[in-house]
Amino acid sequence: MFIRRNKLMIILIGLVLCGMLAGSGYAAEEKNPVREKLLADKSLLFFAPFDFSVDAEQAAHHKTGRLNGEGEFVPGVVGNAISLPESGKGAISYNFSDNIDMKAGTMMFWFKPHWWGDELEEKSFRRCLMWLGLSDGKYFAFYRTFSRKAAPYALYMAYQNYGTQIQSRAWKKNQWLHLAATWDTQFDKYIIYVDGRQVLSAPVQWKGKEIEGRNLGLGRYYGVDVIDAAYDEFFVFGRPLAAEEVKSYYDATKPAD
């Protein structure tokens, strides 16, 4: 009788713990084979899931992230995400030495802007989604722009100020979007994907340069209006992912409409 009661107590405690974990967003989820394959890829240099920490879950070298100012963990595309407040109030920074290869690689992440609408269309603006300082004093970045005079709503990935623009639609407030960039200096090509679809192929502006990634920033860049958004599933690989790999990951993780 005593043994049966102990077994019953263990079962009850287990059920309570499962309920608590589920309520915290840590319930065991069925593993996604596409995502698991990328996480096991030998070329993976950096991965930050932003579930309960800004630290990387996997990193070739530095794992620690620094949350400067405010930020909170909210439901994300997979598990949780990190939500940063308006410009200047919250940002994440990393020592990115050896966590990115500028000769060939991929950077991709989910993000959800907390802004976008008519209130921002009254004047031209530029927002920085991601900024990486390089060893040659320049930078590698994603920007989002709006101009009433020029073609509206452009997205570009830049090496210093030498970026290539993509015409793109207005993004909706609080809608998850997926961005990926791949580059290969040997074949002189970088490609940008938005929501799993290739939108740009262009020459690599830093071809022939021996440069390294130094400091990565999400949520802040001096002199530029920066992103006010949530980030999730930040990947960096030491090889360019194929188009079908980017598309498969997007399809496998995209939120339901």
C-alpha atoms as a PDB file:
ATOM      1  CA  MET A   1       0.000   0.000   0.000  1.00  0.00           C
ATOM      2  CA  PHE A   2       2.868   2.345   0.909  1.00  0.00           C
ATOM      3  CA  ILE A   3       4.602   1.654  -2.416  1.00  0.00           C
ATOM      4  CA  ARG A   4       1.408   2.304  -4.367  1.00  0.00           C
ATOM      5  CA  ARG A   5       0.938   5.644  -2.581  1.00  0.00           C
ATOM      6  CA  ASN A   6       4.533   6.625  -3.386  1.00  0.00           C
ATOM      7  CA  LYS A   7       4.002   5.755  -7.038  1.00  0.00           C
ATOM      8  CA  LEU A   8       0.806   7.798  -7.085  1.00  0.00           C
ATOM      9  CA  MET A   9       2.571  10.760  -5.507  1.00  0.00           C
ATOM     10  CA  ILE A  10       5.380  10.564  -8.080  1.00  0.00           C
ATOM     11  CA  ILE A  11       2.854  10.519 -10.930  1.00  0.00           C
ATOM     12  CA  LEU A  12       0.979  13.501  -9.490  1.00  0.00           C
ATOM     13  CA  ILE A  13       4.193  15.492  -8.986  1.00  0.00           C
ATOM     14  CA  GLY A  14       5.212  14.677 -12.545  1.00  0.00           C
ATOM     15  CA  LEU A  15       1.891  15.892 -13.903  1.00  0.00           C
ATOM     16  CA  VAL A  16       2.154  19.137 -11.915  1.00  0.00           C
ATOM     17  CA  LEU A  17       5.687  19.776 -13.181  1.00  0.00           C
ATOM     18  CA  CYS A  18       4.633  19.106 -16.763  1.00  0.00           C
ATOM     19  CA  GLY A  19       1.809  21.600 -16.355  1.00  0.00           C
ATOM     20  CA  MET A  20       4.166  24.208 -14.919  1.00  0.00           C
ATOM     21  CA  LEU A  21       6.662  23.753 -17.746  1.00  0.00           C
ATOM     22  CA  ALA A  22       3.918  23.926 -20.335  1.00  0.00           C
ATOM     23  CA  GLY A  23       2.683  27.167 -18.822  1.00  0.00           C
ATOM     24  CA  SER A  24       6.179  28.650 -19.005  1.00  0.00           C
ATOM     25  CA  GLY A  25       6.520  27.851 -22.695  1.00  0.00           C
ATOM     26  CA  TYR A  26       8.965  25.011 -22.060  1.00  0.00           C
ATOM     27  CA  ALA A  27       6.683  22.113 -22.832  1.00  0.00           C
ATOM     28  CA  ALA A  28       8.285  19.339 -24.802  1.00  0.00           C
ATOM     29  CA  GLU A  29       7.596  19.931 -28.466  1.00  0.00           C
ATOM     30  CA  GLU A  30       7.811  17.479 -31.285  1.00  0.00           C
ATOM     31  CA  LYS A  31      11.222  18.020 -32.850  1.00  0.00           C
ATOM     32  CA  ASN A  32      11.220  19.494 -36.316  1.00  0.00           C
ATOM     33  CA  PRO A  33      13.468  17.341 -38.552  1.00  0.00           C
ATOM     34  CA  VAL A  34      14.374  20.257 -40.860  1.00  0.00           C
ATOM     35  CA  ARG A  35      15.411  22.431 -37.916  1.00  0.00           C
ATOM     36  CA  GLU A  36      17.224  19.564 -36.190  1.00  0.00           C
ATOM     37  CA  LYS A  37      19.230  18.903 -39.349  1.00  0.00           C
ATOM     38  CA  LEU A  38      20.420  22.516 -39.413  1.00  0.00           C
ATOM     39  CA  LEU A  39      21.284  22.413 -35.716  1.00  0.00           C
ATOM     40  CA  ALA A  40      23.440  19.334 -36.371  1.00  0.00           C
ATOM     41  CA  ASP A  41      25.125  20.876 -39.422  1.00  0.00           C
ATOM     42  CA  LYS A  42      28.914  20.939 -38.954  1.00  0.00           C
ATOM     43  CA  SER A  43      29.115  24.390 -40.547  1.00  0.00           C
ATOM     44  CA  LEU A  44      26.879  25.963 -37.861  1.00  0.00           C
ATOM     45  CA  LEU A  45      28.894  28.751 -36.218  1.00  0.00           C
ATOM     46  CA  PHE A  46      26.285  30.460 -34.055  1.00  0.00           C
ATOM     47  CA  PHE A  47      22.723  29.812 -32.932  1.00  0.00           C
ATOM     48  CA  ALA A  48      20.685  31.878 -30.482  1.00  0.00           C
ATOM     49  CA  PRO A  49      17.118  30.588 -29.934  1.00  0.00           C
ATOM     50  CA  PHE A  50      16.218  33.389 -27.469  1.00  0.00           C
ATOM     51  CA  ASP A  51      14.095  31.015 -25.389  1.00  0.00           C
ATOM     52  CA  PHE A  52      15.100  32.142 -21.883  1.00  0.00           C
ATOM     53  CA  SER A  53      18.438  33.890 -22.481  1.00  0.00           C
ATOM     54  CA  VAL A  54      20.199  36.115 -25.017  1.00  0.00           C
ATOM     55  CA  ASP A  55      23.215  33.776 -24.862  1.00  0.00           C
ATOM     56  CA  ALA A  56      23.871  31.481 -27.803  1.00  0.00           C
ATOM     57  CA  GLU A  57      22.895  27.846 -27.454  1.00  0.00           C
ATOM     58  CA  GLN A  58      25.696  26.951 -29.866  1.00  0.00           C
ATOM     59  CA  ALA A  59      28.690  29.061 -30.887  1.00  0.00           C
ATOM     60  CA  ALA A  60      32.056  28.496 -32.495  1.00  0.00           C
ATOM     61  CA  HIS A  61      33.631  30.797 -29.912  1.00  0.00           C
ATOM     62  CA  HIS A  62      31.872  33.476 -27.836  1.00  0.00           C
ATOM     63  CA  LYS A  63      28.412  32.477 -26.564  1.00  0.00           C
ATOM     64  CA  THR A  64      27.555  35.267 -24.158  1.00  0.00           C
ATOM     65  CA  GLY A  65      25.117  37.957 -25.207  1.00  0.00           C
ATOM     66  CA  ARG A  66      24.698  41.236 -23.372  1.00  0.00           C
ATOM     67  CA  LEU A  67      21.240  42.740 -22.959  1.00  0.00           C
ATOM     68  CA  ASN A  68      21.656  46.492 -22.727  1.00  0.00           C
ATOM     69  CA  GLY A  69      18.586  48.169 -21.290  1.00  0.00           C
ATOM     70  CA  GLU A  70      15.162  46.584 -21.560  1.00  0.00           C
ATOM     71  CA  GLY A  71      13.918  43.404 -23.195  1.00  0.00           C
ATOM     72  CA  GLU A  72      11.503  40.593 -22.467  1.00  0.00           C
ATOM     73  CA  PHE A  73      10.923  37.023 -23.590  1.00  0.00           C
ATOM     74  CA  VAL A  74       7.660  36.525 -25.446  1.00  0.00           C
ATOM     75  CA  PRO A  75       6.132  33.672 -27.474  1.00  0.00           C
ATOM     76  CA  GLY A  76       8.162  33.254 -30.649  1.00  0.00           C
ATOM     77  CA  VAL A  77       8.191  31.262 -33.866  1.00  0.00           C
ATOM     78  CA  VAL A  78       9.877  28.355 -32.053  1.00  0.00           C
ATOM     79  CA  GLY A  79       9.624  28.496 -28.258  1.00  0.00           C
ATOM     80  CA  ASN A  80      10.215  32.050 -27.064  1.00  0.00           C
ATOM     81  CA  ALA A  81      11.679  35.157 -28.691  1.00  0.00           C
ATOM     82  CA  ILE A  82      13.392  38.267 -27.343  1.00  0.00           C
ATOM     83  CA  SER A  83      11.365  41.454 -27.697  1.00  0.00           C
ATOM     84  CA  LEU A  84      13.275  44.744 -27.666  1.00  0.00           C
ATOM     85  CA  PRO A  85      11.475  48.044 -26.998  1.00  0.00           C
ATOM     86  CA  GLU A  86      11.637  51.291 -28.909  1.00  0.00           C
ATOM     87  CA  SER A  87      14.906  52.671 -30.226  1.00  0.00           C
ATOM     88  CA  GLY A  88      17.559  53.355 -27.603  1.00  0.00           C
ATOM     89  CA  LYS A  89      15.819  51.512 -24.744  1.00  0.00           C
ATOM     90  CA  GLY A  90      16.943  47.958 -25.435  1.00  0.00           C
ATOM     91  CA  ALA A  91      19.620  46.191 -27.450  1.00  0.00           C
ATOM     92  CA  ILE A  92      21.681  42.997 -27.554  1.00  0.00           C
ATOM     93  CA  SER A  93      25.398  42.885 -28.278  1.00  0.00           C
ATOM     94  CA  TYR A  94      27.838  40.030 -28.888  1.00  0.00           C
ATOM     95  CA  ASN A  95      31.564  39.574 -29.283  1.00  0.00           C
ATOM     96  CA  PHE A  96      31.307  37.919 -32.690  1.00  0.00           C
ATOM     97  CA  SER A  97      34.953  37.039 -33.308  1.00  0.00           C
ATOM     98  CA  ASP A  98      35.160  33.592 -34.941  1.00  0.00           C
ATOM     99  CA  ASN A  99      31.355  33.286 -34.984  1.00  0.00           C
ATOM    100  CA  ILE A 100      31.080  34.314 -38.636  1.00  0.00           C
ATOM    101  CA  ASP A 101      33.163  33.683 -41.769  1.00  0.00           C
ATOM    102  CA  MET A 102      33.109  36.578 -44.228  1.00  0.00           C
ATOM    103  CA  LYS A 103      34.502  34.404 -47.040  1.00  0.00           C
ATOM    104  CA  ALA A 104      31.420  32.205 -47.209  1.00  0.00           C
ATOM    105  CA  GLY A 105      28.417  31.896 -44.969  1.00  0.00           C
ATOM    106  CA  THR A 106      24.775  32.401 -44.125  1.00  0.00           C
ATOM    107  CA  MET A 107      22.968  34.577 -41.633  1.00  0.00           C
ATOM    108  CA  MET A 108      19.244  34.115 -41.081  1.00  0.00           C
ATOM    109  CA  PHE A 109      16.683  35.010 -38.452  1.00  0.00           C
ATOM    110  CA  TRP A 110      13.035  35.646 -37.727  1.00  0.00           C
ATOM    111  CA  PHE A 111      11.912  39.076 -36.582  1.00  0.00           C
ATOM    112  CA  LYS A 112       8.649  40.847 -35.859  1.00  0.00           C
ATOM    113  CA  PRO A 113       8.550  44.660 -36.101  1.00  0.00           C
ATOM    114  CA  HIS A 114       6.460  46.455 -33.495  1.00  0.00           C
ATOM    115  CA  TRP A 115       5.928  49.285 -35.956  1.00  0.00           C
ATOM    116  CA  TRP A 116       4.954  49.915 -39.529  1.00  0.00           C
ATOM    117  CA  GLY A 117       2.032  51.834 -40.835  1.00  0.00           C
ATOM    118  CA  ASP A 118       0.793  55.205 -41.945  1.00  0.00           C
ATOM    119  CA  GLU A 119       2.366  56.970 -38.975  1.00  0.00           C
ATOM    120  CA  LEU A 120       5.835  56.215 -40.378  1.00  0.00           C
ATOM    121  CA  GLU A 121       5.028  57.139 -43.957  1.00  0.00           C
ATOM    122  CA  GLU A 122       4.936  60.849 -43.243  1.00  0.00           C
ATOM    123  CA  LYS A 123       8.708  61.149 -43.636  1.00  0.00           C
ATOM    124  CA  SER A 124      11.635  59.220 -45.027  1.00  0.00           C
ATOM    125  CA  PHE A 125      13.483  56.975 -42.600  1.00  0.00           C
ATOM    126  CA  ARG A 126      15.985  54.167 -42.305  1.00  0.00           C
ATOM    127  CA  ARG A 127      15.970  51.345 -39.766  1.00  0.00           C
ATOM    128  CA  CYS A 128      18.827  48.996 -39.012  1.00  0.00           C
ATOM    129  CA  LEU A 129      17.743  45.378 -38.425  1.00  0.00           C
ATOM    130  CA  MET A 130      21.191  43.935 -37.724  1.00  0.00           C
ATOM    131  CA  TRP A 131      24.671  45.487 -37.598  1.00  0.00           C
ATOM    132  CA  LEU A 132      28.034  43.703 -37.564  1.00  0.00           C
ATOM    133  CA  GLY A 133      31.251  45.668 -37.067  1.00  0.00           C
ATOM    134  CA  LEU A 134      34.152  44.376 -39.177  1.00  0.00           C
ATOM    135  CA  SER A 135      37.914  44.328 -38.637  1.00  0.00           C
ATOM    136  CA  ASP A 136      38.514  46.801 -41.478  1.00  0.00           C
ATOM    137  CA  GLY A 137      36.456  49.463 -39.711  1.00  0.00           C
ATOM    138  CA  LYS A 138      33.431  49.006 -41.962  1.00  0.00           C
ATOM    139  CA  TYR A 139      30.220  47.114 -41.257  1.00  0.00           C
ATOM    140  CA  PHE A 140      27.874  44.444 -42.582  1.00  0.00           C
ATOM    141  CA  ALA A 141      24.202  45.208 -42.045  1.00  0.00           C
ATOM    142  CA  PHE A 142      20.548  44.763 -42.946  1.00  0.00           C
ATOM    143  CA  TYR A 143      18.528  47.950 -43.354  1.00  0.00           C
ATOM    144  CA  ARG A 144      14.899  48.749 -43.970  1.00  0.00           C
ATOM    145  CA  THR A 145      14.114  52.089 -45.632  1.00  0.00           C
ATOM    146  CA  PHE A 146      11.177  54.209 -46.690  1.00  0.00           C
ATOM    147  CA  SER A 147      11.410  57.208 -48.980  1.00  0.00           C
ATOM    148  CA  ARG A 148       8.566  59.364 -50.248  1.00  0.00           C
ATOM    149  CA  LYS A 149      10.773  60.749 -53.033  1.00  0.00           C
ATOM    150  CA  ALA A 150      12.401  57.523 -54.210  1.00  0.00           C
ATOM    151  CA  ALA A 151      10.951  54.040 -54.583  1.00  0.00           C
ATOM    152  CA  PRO A 152       9.301  53.250 -51.239  1.00  0.00           C
ATOM    153  CA  TYR A 153      10.012  50.320 -48.975  1.00  0.00           C
ATOM    154  CA  ALA A 154      13.424  48.945 -49.792  1.00  0.00           C
ATOM    155  CA  LEU A 155      15.481  46.341 -47.977  1.00  0.00           C
ATOM    156  CA  TYR A 156      19.199  46.097 -48.411  1.00  0.00           C
ATOM    157  CA  MET A 157      22.218  44.300 -47.084  1.00  0.00           C
ATOM    158  CA  ALA A 158      25.235  46.575 -47.035  1.00  0.00           C
ATOM    159  CA  TYR A 159      28.997  46.472 -46.755  1.00  0.00           C
ATOM    160  CA  GLN A 160      29.606  49.976 -45.409  1.00  0.00           C
ATOM    161  CA  ASN A 161      27.470  52.139 -47.722  1.00  0.00           C
ATOM    162  CA  TYR A 162      27.749  49.850 -50.733  1.00  0.00           C
ATOM    163  CA  GLY A 163      24.400  48.138 -50.528  1.00  0.00           C
ATOM    164  CA  THR A 164      22.016  46.701 -53.067  1.00  0.00           C
ATOM    165  CA  GLN A 165      18.368  47.584 -52.672  1.00  0.00           C
ATOM    166  CA  ILE A 166      15.375  45.343 -53.102  1.00  0.00           C
ATOM    167  CA  GLN A 167      11.936  46.705 -53.776  1.00  0.00           C
ATOM    168  CA  SER A 168       9.623  45.239 -51.175  1.00  0.00           C
ATOM    169  CA  ARG A 169       6.130  45.664 -49.872  1.00  0.00           C
ATOM    170  CA  ALA A 170       5.192  47.476 -46.687  1.00  0.00           C
ATOM    171  CA  TRP A 171       5.559  45.176 -43.715  1.00  0.00           C
ATOM    172  CA  LYS A 172       2.738  44.782 -41.284  1.00  0.00           C
ATOM    173  CA  LYS A 173       3.057  45.612 -37.630  1.00  0.00           C
ATOM    174  CA  ASN A 174       3.514  42.571 -35.368  1.00  0.00           C
ATOM    175  CA  GLN A 175       3.862  40.137 -38.286  1.00  0.00           C
ATOM    176  CA  TRP A 176       6.721  37.624 -38.222  1.00  0.00           C
ATOM    177  CA  LEU A 177       9.097  37.820 -41.198  1.00  0.00           C
ATOM    178  CA  HIS A 178      12.090  35.705 -42.113  1.00  0.00           C
ATOM    179  CA  LEU A 179      15.338  37.086 -43.514  1.00  0.00           C
ATOM    180  CA  ALA A 180      18.343  35.178 -44.811  1.00  0.00           C
ATOM    181  CA  ALA A 181      21.528  36.270 -46.541  1.00  0.00           C
ATOM    182  CA  THR A 182      24.123  33.951 -48.061  1.00  0.00           C
ATOM    183  CA  TRP A 183      27.501  34.929 -49.496  1.00  0.00           C
ATOM    184  CA  ASP A 184      30.397  33.219 -51.225  1.00  0.00           C
ATOM    185  CA  THR A 185      33.464  35.236 -52.218  1.00  0.00           C
ATOM    186  CA  GLN A 186      34.843  32.388 -54.330  1.00  0.00           C
ATOM    187  CA  PHE A 187      31.851  32.618 -56.665  1.00  0.00           C
ATOM    188  CA  ASP A 188      31.401  36.377 -56.049  1.00  0.00           C
ATOM    189  CA  LYS A 189      27.759  36.172 -55.080  1.00  0.00           C
ATOM    190  CA  TYR A 190      25.492  37.065 -52.224  1.00  0.00           C
ATOM    191  CA  ILE A 191      21.802  36.295 -52.121  1.00  0.00           C
ATOM    192  CA  ILE A 192      18.992  37.682 -49.985  1.00  0.00           C
ATOM    193  CA  TYR A 193      15.849  35.735 -49.134  1.00  0.00           C
ATOM    194  CA  VAL A 194      12.649  37.150 -47.649  1.00  0.00           C
ATOM    195  CA  ASP A 195      10.157  34.632 -46.270  1.00  0.00           C
ATOM    196  CA  GLY A 196      11.970  31.773 -47.978  1.00  0.00           C
ATOM    197  CA  ARG A 197      11.941  33.403 -51.413  1.00  0.00           C
ATOM    198  CA  GLN A 198      15.069  34.651 -53.202  1.00  0.00           C
ATOM    199  CA  VAL A 199      14.710  38.370 -53.875  1.00  0.00           C
ATOM    200  CA  LEU A 200      18.257  39.393 -54.800  1.00  0.00           C
ATOM    201  CA  SER A 201      21.490  37.987 -56.214  1.00  0.00           C
ATOM    202  CA  ALA A 202      24.456  40.360 -56.481  1.00  0.00           C
ATOM    203  CA  PRO A 203      28.299  40.446 -56.408  1.00  0.00           C
ATOM    204  CA  VAL A 204      30.040  40.377 -53.012  1.00  0.00           C
ATOM    205  CA  GLN A 205      31.289  43.888 -52.239  1.00  0.00           C
ATOM    206  CA  TRP A 206      34.058  42.697 -49.908  1.00  0.00           C
ATOM    207  CA  LYS A 207      35.532  40.120 -52.324  1.00  0.00           C
ATOM    208  CA  GLY A 208      39.316  39.811 -51.974  1.00  0.00           C
ATOM    209  CA  LYS A 209      39.391  41.484 -48.551  1.00  0.00           C
ATOM    210  CA  GLU A 210      40.720  39.704 -45.470  1.00  0.00           C
ATOM    211  CA  ILE A 211      38.156  40.854 -42.936  1.00  0.00           C
ATOM    212  CA  GLU A 212      36.650  39.407 -39.794  1.00  0.00           C
ATOM    213  CA  GLY A 213      33.379  39.975 -37.944  1.00  0.00           C
ATOM    214  CA  ARG A 214      33.965  41.656 -34.590  1.00  0.00           C
ATOM    215  CA  ASN A 215      30.840  42.943 -32.817  1.00  0.00           C
ATOM    216  CA  LEU A 216      27.211  42.103 -33.552  1.00  0.00           C
ATOM    217  CA  GLY A 217      24.373  44.380 -32.498  1.00  0.00           C
ATOM    218  CA  LEU A 218      20.615  43.817 -32.535  1.00  0.00           C
ATOM    219  CA  GLY A 219      18.420  46.763 -31.648  1.00  0.00           C
ATOM    220  CA  ARG A 220      20.927  49.638 -31.745  1.00  0.00           C
ATOM    221  CA  TYR A 221      23.288  51.362 -34.133  1.00  0.00           C
ATOM    222  CA  TYR A 222      24.713  54.842 -33.600  1.00  0.00           C
ATOM    223  CA  GLY A 223      23.424  57.494 -35.980  1.00  0.00           C
ATOM    224  CA  VAL A 224      20.633  55.351 -37.425  1.00  0.00           C
ATOM    225  CA  ASP A 225      17.053  54.755 -36.353  1.00  0.00           C
ATOM    226  CA  VAL A 226      17.137  51.115 -35.363  1.00  0.00           C
ATOM    227  CA  ILE A 227      14.704  48.260 -35.291  1.00  0.00           C
ATOM    228  CA  ASP A 228      11.997  48.030 -32.627  1.00  0.00           C
ATOM    229  CA  ALA A 229      11.098  44.352 -32.832  1.00  0.00           C
ATOM    230  CA  ALA A 230      11.225  40.811 -31.536  1.00  0.00           C
ATOM    231  CA  TYR A 231      13.968  38.428 -32.731  1.00  0.00           C
ATOM    232  CA  ASP A 232      13.933  34.638 -32.872  1.00  0.00           C
ATOM    233  CA  GLU A 233      16.073  31.749 -34.154  1.00  0.00           C
ATOM    234  CA  PHE A 234      19.283  33.604 -35.080  1.00  0.00           C
ATOM    235  CA  PHE A 235      21.522  31.314 -37.194  1.00  0.00           C
ATOM    236  CA  VAL A 236      24.991  31.818 -38.683  1.00  0.00           C
ATOM    237  CA  PHE A 237      26.658  29.175 -40.854  1.00  0.00           C
ATOM    238  CA  GLY A 238      30.145  28.985 -42.321  1.00  0.00           C
ATOM    239  CA  ARG A 239      28.759  28.068 -45.743  1.00  0.00           C
ATOM    240  CA  PRO A 240      26.045  29.457 -48.017  1.00  0.00           C
ATOM    241  CA  LEU A 241      22.864  27.475 -47.504  1.00  0.00           C
ATOM    242  CA  ALA A 242      21.218  26.331 -50.716  1.00  0.00           C
ATOM    243  CA  ALA A 243      17.939  27.950 -51.744  1.00  0.00           C
ATOM    244  CA  GLU A 244      16.007  24.782 -50.943  1.00  0.00           C
ATOM    245  CA  GLU A 245      17.508  24.682 -47.427  1.00  0.00           C
ATOM    246  CA  VAL A 246      16.383  28.239 -46.691  1.00  0.00           C
ATOM    247  CA  LYS A 247      12.929  27.558 -48.131  1.00  0.00           C
ATOM    248  CA  SER A 248      12.572  24.251 -46.243  1.00  0.00           C
ATOM    249  CA  TYR A 249      13.457  25.890 -42.918  1.00  0.00           C
ATOM    250  CA  TYR A 250      11.023  28.747 -43.565  1.00  0.00           C
ATOM    251  CA  ASP A 251       8.212  26.358 -44.487  1.00  0.00           C
ATOM    252  CA  ALA A 252       8.924  24.121 -41.491  1.00  0.00           C
ATOM    253  CA  THR A 253       8.881  26.916 -38.898  1.00  0.00           C
ATOM    254  CA  LYS A 254       6.628  29.665 -40.253  1.00  0.00           C
ATOM    255  CA  PRO A 255       3.765  30.636 -37.936  1.00  0.00           C
ATOM    256  CA  ALA A 256       0.227  29.689 -38.876  1.00  0.00           C
ATOM    257  CA  ASP A 257      -1.768  32.484 -40.516  1.00  0.00           C
END
